[in-house]
Amino acid sequence: MTAQTGFKNKFTAALLALLTGVLGGHRFYLRGLRDPWAWLHGPLFLLGLLGVWRFVAHRQDDPLTWALLAVFVAVVIAAVVQTLVIGLTPDAKWDARWNAAADRRSMNGWGPVLIVIFALFMSVGSLTGGLAYVLQRFFGGS
């Protein structure tokens, strides 16, 4: 079920979720290379980037582009949610799940919380900008 290959640091997992979550980096760290969901992150993210490329570089505004953009947004949201879940998991619960067989226990302090705060700031900024753009397109007419 869970790959127990040594001590799993919550700060490292949260940082990987924030920085490489769209590519599944945190899942590879926690579950190893045999995690099928980790391998799904990268292709979905690249598919979403295709939508961003179509929209920005070629000004294509068709249903395919918007569907690809939705995939992009979903992958980014999934990475942010995973960052929040990992960073806010209490150390005792973290150790029970990921470090049950390890000979040491987590003592993370503020590191994961600061990563969560940064992820929230990024998310709110992105959400506000995206929402403003979509509302302008919807109500502005072009």
N, C-alpha and C. Protein backbone atom coordinates (compact mmCIF):
# COMPACT_ATOMS: atom_id res chain seq x y z
N MET A 1 0.82 -1.20 0.00
CA MET A 1 0.00 0.00 0.00
C MET A 1 0.86 1.26 0.00
N THR A 2 1.65 1.48 1.03
CA THR A 2 2.52 2.64 1.10
C THR A 2 3.96 2.18 1.03
N ALA A 3 4.73 2.79 0.17
CA ALA A 3 6.14 2.41 0.04
C ALA A 3 6.91 2.96 1.22
N GLN A 4 7.39 2.10 2.10
CA GLN A 4 8.16 2.52 3.26
C GLN A 4 9.65 2.35 2.96
N THR A 5 10.24 3.33 2.36
CA THR A 5 11.66 3.25 2.02
C THR A 5 12.44 4.29 2.80
N GLY A 6 12.24 4.34 4.10
CA GLY A 6 12.96 5.28 4.93
C GLY A 6 12.06 6.40 5.43
N PHE A 7 12.68 7.31 6.13
CA PHE A 7 11.96 8.43 6.74
C PHE A 7 11.46 9.39 5.68
N LYS A 8 10.20 9.77 5.76
CA LYS A 8 9.58 10.71 4.83
C LYS A 8 9.38 12.04 5.55
N ASN A 9 10.09 13.05 5.10
CA ASN A 9 10.05 14.37 5.72
C ASN A 9 8.86 15.16 5.20
N LYS A 10 8.05 15.68 6.11
CA LYS A 10 6.85 16.42 5.72
C LYS A 10 7.21 17.73 5.02
N PHE A 11 8.23 18.41 5.49
CA PHE A 11 8.66 19.66 4.86
C PHE A 11 9.08 19.40 3.41
N THR A 12 9.86 18.36 3.19
CA THR A 12 10.29 18.01 1.84
C THR A 12 9.10 17.67 0.95
N ALA A 13 8.17 16.89 1.48
CA ALA A 13 6.99 16.50 0.70
C ALA A 13 6.14 17.73 0.34
N ALA A 14 5.95 18.64 1.30
CA ALA A 14 5.16 19.85 1.03
C ALA A 14 5.86 20.74 0.01
N LEU A 15 7.17 20.87 0.13
CA LEU A 15 7.93 21.69 -0.82
C LEU A 15 7.87 21.08 -2.23
N LEU A 16 8.00 19.77 -2.31
CA LEU A 16 7.89 19.10 -3.61
C LEU A 16 6.49 19.25 -4.19
N ALA A 17 5.47 19.18 -3.34
CA ALA A 17 4.10 19.37 -3.83
C ALA A 17 3.91 20.78 -4.38
N LEU A 18 4.51 21.76 -3.72
CA LEU A 18 4.39 23.14 -4.19
C LEU A 18 5.16 23.37 -5.48
N LEU A 19 6.39 22.90 -5.54
CA LEU A 19 7.27 23.20 -6.68
C LEU A 19 7.13 22.24 -7.85
N THR A 20 6.86 20.97 -7.56
CA THR A 20 6.79 19.97 -8.63
C THR A 20 5.51 19.15 -8.59
N GLY A 21 4.52 19.65 -7.87
CA GLY A 21 3.27 18.91 -7.72
C GLY A 21 2.56 18.66 -9.03
N VAL A 22 2.67 19.60 -9.97
CA VAL A 22 2.01 19.41 -11.27
C VAL A 22 2.65 18.27 -12.06
N LEU A 23 3.85 17.88 -11.69
CA LEU A 23 4.53 16.76 -12.34
C LEU A 23 4.53 15.51 -11.48
N GLY A 24 3.91 15.59 -10.30
CA GLY A 24 3.82 14.43 -9.42
C GLY A 24 5.03 14.20 -8.55
N GLY A 25 5.90 15.19 -8.40
CA GLY A 25 7.13 15.03 -7.63
C GLY A 25 6.90 14.57 -6.20
N HIS A 26 5.89 15.12 -5.55
CA HIS A 26 5.60 14.74 -4.17
C HIS A 26 5.13 13.29 -4.08
N ARG A 27 4.40 12.83 -5.07
CA ARG A 27 3.93 11.45 -5.05
C ARG A 27 5.09 10.48 -5.30
N PHE A 28 6.01 10.85 -6.18
CA PHE A 28 7.20 10.01 -6.39
C PHE A 28 8.01 9.92 -5.10
N TYR A 29 8.13 11.05 -4.40
CA TYR A 29 8.88 11.07 -3.14
C TYR A 29 8.21 10.17 -2.09
N LEU A 30 6.89 10.27 -1.99
CA LEU A 30 6.19 9.54 -0.95
C LEU A 30 5.93 8.08 -1.30
N ARG A 31 5.56 7.80 -2.53
CA ARG A 31 5.11 6.46 -2.89
C ARG A 31 6.05 5.69 -3.82
N GLY A 32 7.01 6.38 -4.38
CA GLY A 32 7.95 5.71 -5.26
C GLY A 32 7.55 5.73 -6.72
N LEU A 33 8.37 5.14 -7.55
CA LEU A 33 8.18 5.16 -8.99
C LEU A 33 7.04 4.26 -9.47
N ARG A 34 6.52 3.42 -8.62
CA ARG A 34 5.44 2.52 -9.02
C ARG A 34 4.05 3.12 -8.83
N ASP A 35 3.97 4.39 -8.44
CA ASP A 35 2.68 5.04 -8.21
C ASP A 35 2.08 5.49 -9.54
N PRO A 36 1.00 4.85 -10.00
CA PRO A 36 0.42 5.21 -11.30
C PRO A 36 -0.13 6.64 -11.33
N TRP A 37 -0.64 7.13 -10.21
CA TRP A 37 -1.18 8.49 -10.18
C TRP A 37 -0.07 9.53 -10.35
N ALA A 38 1.11 9.22 -9.85
CA ALA A 38 2.23 10.14 -10.03
C ALA A 38 2.58 10.27 -11.51
N TRP A 39 2.56 9.17 -12.22
CA TRP A 39 2.88 9.19 -13.65
C TRP A 39 1.82 9.90 -14.47
N LEU A 40 0.61 10.02 -13.95
CA LEU A 40 -0.47 10.69 -14.66
C LEU A 40 -0.35 12.22 -14.60
N HIS A 41 0.28 12.74 -13.56
CA HIS A 41 0.40 14.19 -13.40
C HIS A 41 1.10 14.85 -14.59
N GLY A 42 2.24 14.33 -14.98
CA GLY A 42 3.03 14.94 -16.05
C GLY A 42 2.30 15.05 -17.38
N PRO A 43 1.77 13.94 -17.90
CA PRO A 43 1.04 14.04 -19.17
C PRO A 43 -0.16 14.98 -19.12
N LEU A 44 -0.89 14.96 -18.00
CA LEU A 44 -2.03 15.88 -17.89
C LEU A 44 -1.56 17.33 -17.86
N PHE A 45 -0.47 17.59 -17.16
CA PHE A 45 0.06 18.95 -17.11
C PHE A 45 0.52 19.40 -18.50
N LEU A 46 1.20 18.52 -19.23
CA LEU A 46 1.63 18.87 -20.59
C LEU A 46 0.44 19.10 -21.51
N LEU A 47 -0.60 18.32 -21.33
CA LEU A 47 -1.83 18.52 -22.10
C LEU A 47 -2.43 19.89 -21.79
N GLY A 48 -2.44 20.24 -20.52
CA GLY A 48 -2.92 21.57 -20.12
C GLY A 48 -2.05 22.68 -20.67
N LEU A 49 -0.73 22.46 -20.68
CA LEU A 49 0.17 23.48 -21.26
C LEU A 49 -0.10 23.68 -22.75
N LEU A 50 -0.53 22.62 -23.42
CA LEU A 50 -0.92 22.76 -24.82
C LEU A 50 -2.06 23.76 -24.95
N GLY A 51 -3.01 23.71 -24.04
CA GLY A 51 -4.11 24.67 -24.04
C GLY A 51 -3.62 26.09 -23.78
N VAL A 52 -2.70 26.24 -22.84
CA VAL A 52 -2.13 27.57 -22.58
C VAL A 52 -1.41 28.08 -23.83
N TRP A 53 -0.64 27.21 -24.47
CA TRP A 53 0.09 27.59 -25.67
C TRP A 53 -0.87 27.99 -26.79
N ARG A 54 -1.92 27.20 -26.99
CA ARG A 54 -2.91 27.54 -28.04
C ARG A 54 -3.56 28.89 -27.75
N PHE A 55 -3.84 29.14 -26.50
CA PHE A 55 -4.54 30.37 -26.13
C PHE A 55 -3.63 31.59 -26.21
N VAL A 56 -2.42 31.48 -25.69
CA VAL A 56 -1.52 32.64 -25.61
C VAL A 56 -0.80 32.88 -26.94
N ALA A 57 -0.19 31.87 -27.49
CA ALA A 57 0.64 32.06 -28.68
C ALA A 57 -0.18 32.19 -29.96
N HIS A 58 -1.29 31.49 -30.03
CA HIS A 58 -2.05 31.46 -31.28
C HIS A 58 -3.43 32.11 -31.18
N ARG A 59 -3.74 32.64 -30.00
CA ARG A 59 -5.02 33.34 -29.80
C ARG A 59 -6.24 32.49 -30.19
N GLN A 60 -6.10 31.18 -30.03
CA GLN A 60 -7.23 30.31 -30.33
C GLN A 60 -8.19 30.32 -29.15
N ASP A 61 -9.44 30.55 -29.45
CA ASP A 61 -10.47 30.66 -28.43
C ASP A 61 -11.62 29.73 -28.82
N ASP A 62 -11.34 28.43 -28.79
CA ASP A 62 -12.32 27.44 -29.21
C ASP A 62 -12.57 26.46 -28.05
N PRO A 63 -13.55 25.59 -28.20
CA PRO A 63 -13.86 24.65 -27.11
C PRO A 63 -12.68 23.74 -26.73
N LEU A 64 -11.88 23.33 -27.70
CA LEU A 64 -10.72 22.48 -27.38
C LEU A 64 -9.74 23.22 -26.48
N THR A 65 -9.47 24.47 -26.82
CA THR A 65 -8.54 25.26 -26.01
C THR A 65 -9.06 25.41 -24.59
N TRP A 66 -10.34 25.69 -24.44
CA TRP A 66 -10.90 25.86 -23.11
C TRP A 66 -10.91 24.54 -22.34
N ALA A 67 -11.13 23.43 -23.02
CA ALA A 67 -11.07 22.13 -22.35
C ALA A 67 -9.65 21.84 -21.86
N LEU A 68 -8.66 22.15 -22.70
CA LEU A 68 -7.27 21.95 -22.30
C LEU A 68 -6.88 22.88 -21.17
N LEU A 69 -7.39 24.10 -21.19
CA LEU A 69 -7.13 25.03 -20.09
C LEU A 69 -7.76 24.52 -18.79
N ALA A 70 -8.92 23.88 -18.90
CA ALA A 70 -9.56 23.30 -17.71
C ALA A 70 -8.69 22.17 -17.13
N VAL A 71 -8.07 21.39 -18.00
CA VAL A 71 -7.16 20.33 -17.53
C VAL A 71 -5.97 20.97 -16.81
N PHE A 72 -5.43 22.03 -17.38
CA PHE A 72 -4.31 22.74 -16.76
C PHE A 72 -4.69 23.24 -15.37
N VAL A 73 -5.83 23.89 -15.27
CA VAL A 73 -6.28 24.43 -13.99
C VAL A 73 -6.51 23.30 -12.98
N ALA A 74 -7.10 22.20 -13.42
CA ALA A 74 -7.35 21.07 -12.52
C ALA A 74 -6.06 20.49 -11.97
N VAL A 75 -5.05 20.37 -12.79
CA VAL A 75 -3.77 19.82 -12.33
C VAL A 75 -3.11 20.78 -11.34
N VAL A 76 -3.17 22.07 -11.61
CA VAL A 76 -2.58 23.05 -10.70
C VAL A 76 -3.34 23.06 -9.37
N ILE A 77 -4.66 23.01 -9.43
CA ILE A 77 -5.46 22.97 -8.20
C ILE A 77 -5.14 21.71 -7.39
N ALA A 78 -5.01 20.59 -8.06
CA ALA A 78 -4.68 19.34 -7.37
C ALA A 78 -3.33 19.47 -6.65
N ALA A 79 -2.36 20.09 -7.29
CA ALA A 79 -1.04 20.27 -6.66
C ALA A 79 -1.13 21.19 -5.45
N VAL A 80 -1.91 22.24 -5.56
CA VAL A 80 -2.06 23.17 -4.43
C VAL A 80 -2.78 22.49 -3.27
N VAL A 81 -3.85 21.75 -3.57
CA VAL A 81 -4.58 21.05 -2.51
C VAL A 81 -3.67 20.04 -1.82
N GLN A 82 -2.86 19.33 -2.60
CA GLN A 82 -1.94 18.38 -1.99
C GLN A 82 -0.90 19.09 -1.12
N THR A 83 -0.46 20.26 -1.54
CA THR A 83 0.46 21.04 -0.72
C THR A 83 -0.20 21.39 0.61
N LEU A 84 -1.45 21.82 0.56
CA LEU A 84 -2.17 22.18 1.78
C LEU A 84 -2.38 20.97 2.68
N VAL A 85 -2.78 19.85 2.10
CA VAL A 85 -3.03 18.64 2.89
C VAL A 85 -1.74 18.17 3.56
N ILE A 86 -0.67 18.11 2.80
CA ILE A 86 0.60 17.65 3.36
C ILE A 86 1.09 18.61 4.44
N GLY A 87 1.10 19.90 4.12
CA GLY A 87 1.63 20.89 5.06
C GLY A 87 0.85 21.01 6.34
N LEU A 88 -0.45 20.76 6.30
CA LEU A 88 -1.29 20.93 7.49
C LEU A 88 -1.55 19.63 8.25
N THR A 89 -1.02 18.52 7.78
CA THR A 89 -1.17 17.25 8.50
C THR A 89 -0.34 17.31 9.79
N PRO A 90 -0.96 17.01 10.92
CA PRO A 90 -0.20 17.00 12.18
C PRO A 90 0.95 15.98 12.11
N ASP A 91 2.05 16.30 12.78
CA ASP A 91 3.23 15.43 12.74
C ASP A 91 2.92 14.00 13.18
N ALA A 92 2.11 13.84 14.22
CA ALA A 92 1.80 12.49 14.71
C ALA A 92 1.05 11.69 13.65
N LYS A 93 0.11 12.33 12.98
CA LYS A 93 -0.65 11.64 11.93
C LYS A 93 0.26 11.36 10.73
N TRP A 94 1.14 12.29 10.41
CA TRP A 94 2.10 12.10 9.32
C TRP A 94 2.97 10.88 9.59
N ASP A 95 3.51 10.82 10.81
CA ASP A 95 4.38 9.71 11.16
C ASP A 95 3.63 8.38 11.16
N ALA A 96 2.37 8.40 11.60
CA ALA A 96 1.60 7.16 11.59
C ALA A 96 1.39 6.64 10.18
N ARG A 97 1.27 7.54 9.24
CA ARG A 97 1.03 7.12 7.85
C ARG A 97 2.32 6.82 7.10
N TRP A 98 3.30 7.71 7.19
CA TRP A 98 4.48 7.61 6.32
C TRP A 98 5.74 7.11 7.02
N ASN A 99 5.80 7.19 8.34
CA ASN A 99 7.02 6.83 9.07
C ASN A 99 6.77 5.82 10.16
N ALA A 100 5.80 4.95 9.98
CA ALA A 100 5.46 3.97 11.02
C ALA A 100 6.64 3.06 11.34
N ALA A 101 7.42 2.71 10.34
CA ALA A 101 8.54 1.79 10.56
C ALA A 101 9.86 2.52 10.81
N ALA A 102 9.85 3.84 10.73
CA ALA A 102 11.09 4.61 10.90
C ALA A 102 11.47 4.70 12.38
N ASP A 103 12.76 4.88 12.63
CA ASP A 103 13.23 4.94 14.00
C ASP A 103 13.25 6.35 14.57
N ARG A 104 12.78 7.33 13.82
CA ARG A 104 12.69 8.69 14.34
C ARG A 104 11.32 9.29 14.03
N ARG A 105 11.01 10.39 14.66
CA ARG A 105 9.72 11.03 14.52
C ARG A 105 9.89 12.45 13.97
N SER A 106 8.83 12.94 13.34
CA SER A 106 8.85 14.27 12.73
C SER A 106 8.75 15.36 13.80
N MET A 107 9.51 16.43 13.57
CA MET A 107 9.44 17.64 14.37
C MET A 107 9.61 18.81 13.41
N ASN A 108 8.55 19.15 12.70
CA ASN A 108 8.66 20.07 11.58
C ASN A 108 8.61 21.54 11.93
N GLY A 109 7.90 21.93 12.94
CA GLY A 109 7.81 23.34 13.28
C GLY A 109 7.04 24.13 12.22
N TRP A 110 7.55 25.30 11.89
CA TRP A 110 6.85 26.23 11.01
C TRP A 110 7.13 26.04 9.53
N GLY A 111 8.10 25.24 9.15
CA GLY A 111 8.46 25.08 7.75
C GLY A 111 7.29 24.72 6.84
N PRO A 112 6.59 23.62 7.11
CA PRO A 112 5.45 23.27 6.26
C PRO A 112 4.33 24.32 6.28
N VAL A 113 4.14 24.97 7.43
CA VAL A 113 3.10 26.00 7.52
C VAL A 113 3.44 27.18 6.62
N LEU A 114 4.71 27.57 6.58
CA LEU A 114 5.13 28.67 5.70
C LEU A 114 4.93 28.29 4.22
N ILE A 115 5.17 27.05 3.89
CA ILE A 115 4.93 26.58 2.52
C ILE A 115 3.44 26.68 2.21
N VAL A 116 2.59 26.29 3.16
CA VAL A 116 1.14 26.39 2.98
C VAL A 116 0.72 27.84 2.78
N ILE A 117 1.26 28.74 3.58
CA ILE A 117 0.92 30.16 3.46
C ILE A 117 1.33 30.68 2.08
N PHE A 118 2.51 30.33 1.63
CA PHE A 118 2.96 30.74 0.30
C PHE A 118 2.05 30.17 -0.78
N ALA A 119 1.67 28.91 -0.65
CA ALA A 119 0.77 28.28 -1.63
C ALA A 119 -0.58 28.99 -1.65
N LEU A 120 -1.08 29.39 -0.50
CA LEU A 120 -2.35 30.11 -0.45
C LEU A 120 -2.25 31.47 -1.11
N PHE A 121 -1.16 32.19 -0.87
CA PHE A 121 -0.97 33.49 -1.53
C PHE A 121 -0.93 33.33 -3.05
N MET A 122 -0.18 32.35 -3.52
CA MET A 122 -0.11 32.09 -4.96
C MET A 122 -1.49 31.75 -5.51
N SER A 123 -2.21 30.91 -4.81
CA SER A 123 -3.53 30.48 -5.27
C SER A 123 -4.51 31.63 -5.34
N VAL A 124 -4.53 32.45 -4.31
CA VAL A 124 -5.46 33.58 -4.29
C VAL A 124 -5.13 34.56 -5.41
N GLY A 125 -3.85 34.81 -5.64
CA GLY A 125 -3.45 35.70 -6.73
C GLY A 125 -3.84 35.15 -8.09
N SER A 126 -3.60 33.86 -8.29
CA SER A 126 -3.96 33.23 -9.57
C SER A 126 -5.46 33.19 -9.76
N LEU A 127 -6.18 32.85 -8.71
CA LEU A 127 -7.63 32.78 -8.80
C LEU A 127 -8.22 34.15 -9.10
N THR A 128 -7.73 35.18 -8.44
CA THR A 128 -8.24 36.53 -8.67
C THR A 128 -7.97 36.98 -10.10
N GLY A 129 -6.75 36.76 -10.58
CA GLY A 129 -6.42 37.14 -11.96
C GLY A 129 -7.23 36.36 -12.98
N GLY A 130 -7.34 35.05 -12.78
CA GLY A 130 -8.12 34.22 -13.70
C GLY A 130 -9.59 34.57 -13.70
N LEU A 131 -10.13 34.80 -12.52
CA LEU A 131 -11.53 35.16 -12.42
C LEU A 131 -11.80 36.52 -13.07
N ALA A 132 -10.91 37.46 -12.85
CA ALA A 132 -11.07 38.78 -13.49
C ALA A 132 -11.06 38.65 -15.01
N TYR A 133 -10.15 37.83 -15.53
CA TYR A 133 -10.06 37.66 -16.98
C TYR A 133 -11.33 37.00 -17.54
N VAL A 134 -11.77 35.92 -16.89
CA VAL A 134 -12.95 35.21 -17.38
C VAL A 134 -14.20 36.10 -17.30
N LEU A 135 -14.36 36.83 -16.20
CA LEU A 135 -15.51 37.73 -16.09
C LEU A 135 -15.46 38.85 -17.12
N GLN A 136 -14.27 39.37 -17.39
CA GLN A 136 -14.13 40.41 -18.40
C GLN A 136 -14.49 39.85 -19.77
N ARG A 137 -14.07 38.62 -20.08
CA ARG A 137 -14.41 38.00 -21.36
C ARG A 137 -15.91 37.74 -21.45
N PHE A 138 -16.51 37.32 -20.35
CA PHE A 138 -17.93 36.98 -20.36
C PHE A 138 -18.81 38.23 -20.46
N PHE A 139 -18.48 39.24 -19.66
CA PHE A 139 -19.33 40.43 -19.63
C PHE A 139 -18.85 41.52 -20.58
N GLY A 140 -17.57 41.47 -20.96
CA GLY A 140 -17.01 42.50 -21.84
C GLY A 140 -17.28 42.26 -23.31
N GLY A 141 -17.55 41.04 -23.67
CA GLY A 141 -17.91 40.74 -25.05
C GLY A 141 -16.75 40.29 -25.92
N SER A 142 -15.51 40.59 -25.59
CA SER A 142 -14.41 40.12 -26.44
C SER A 142 -13.22 39.80 -25.68
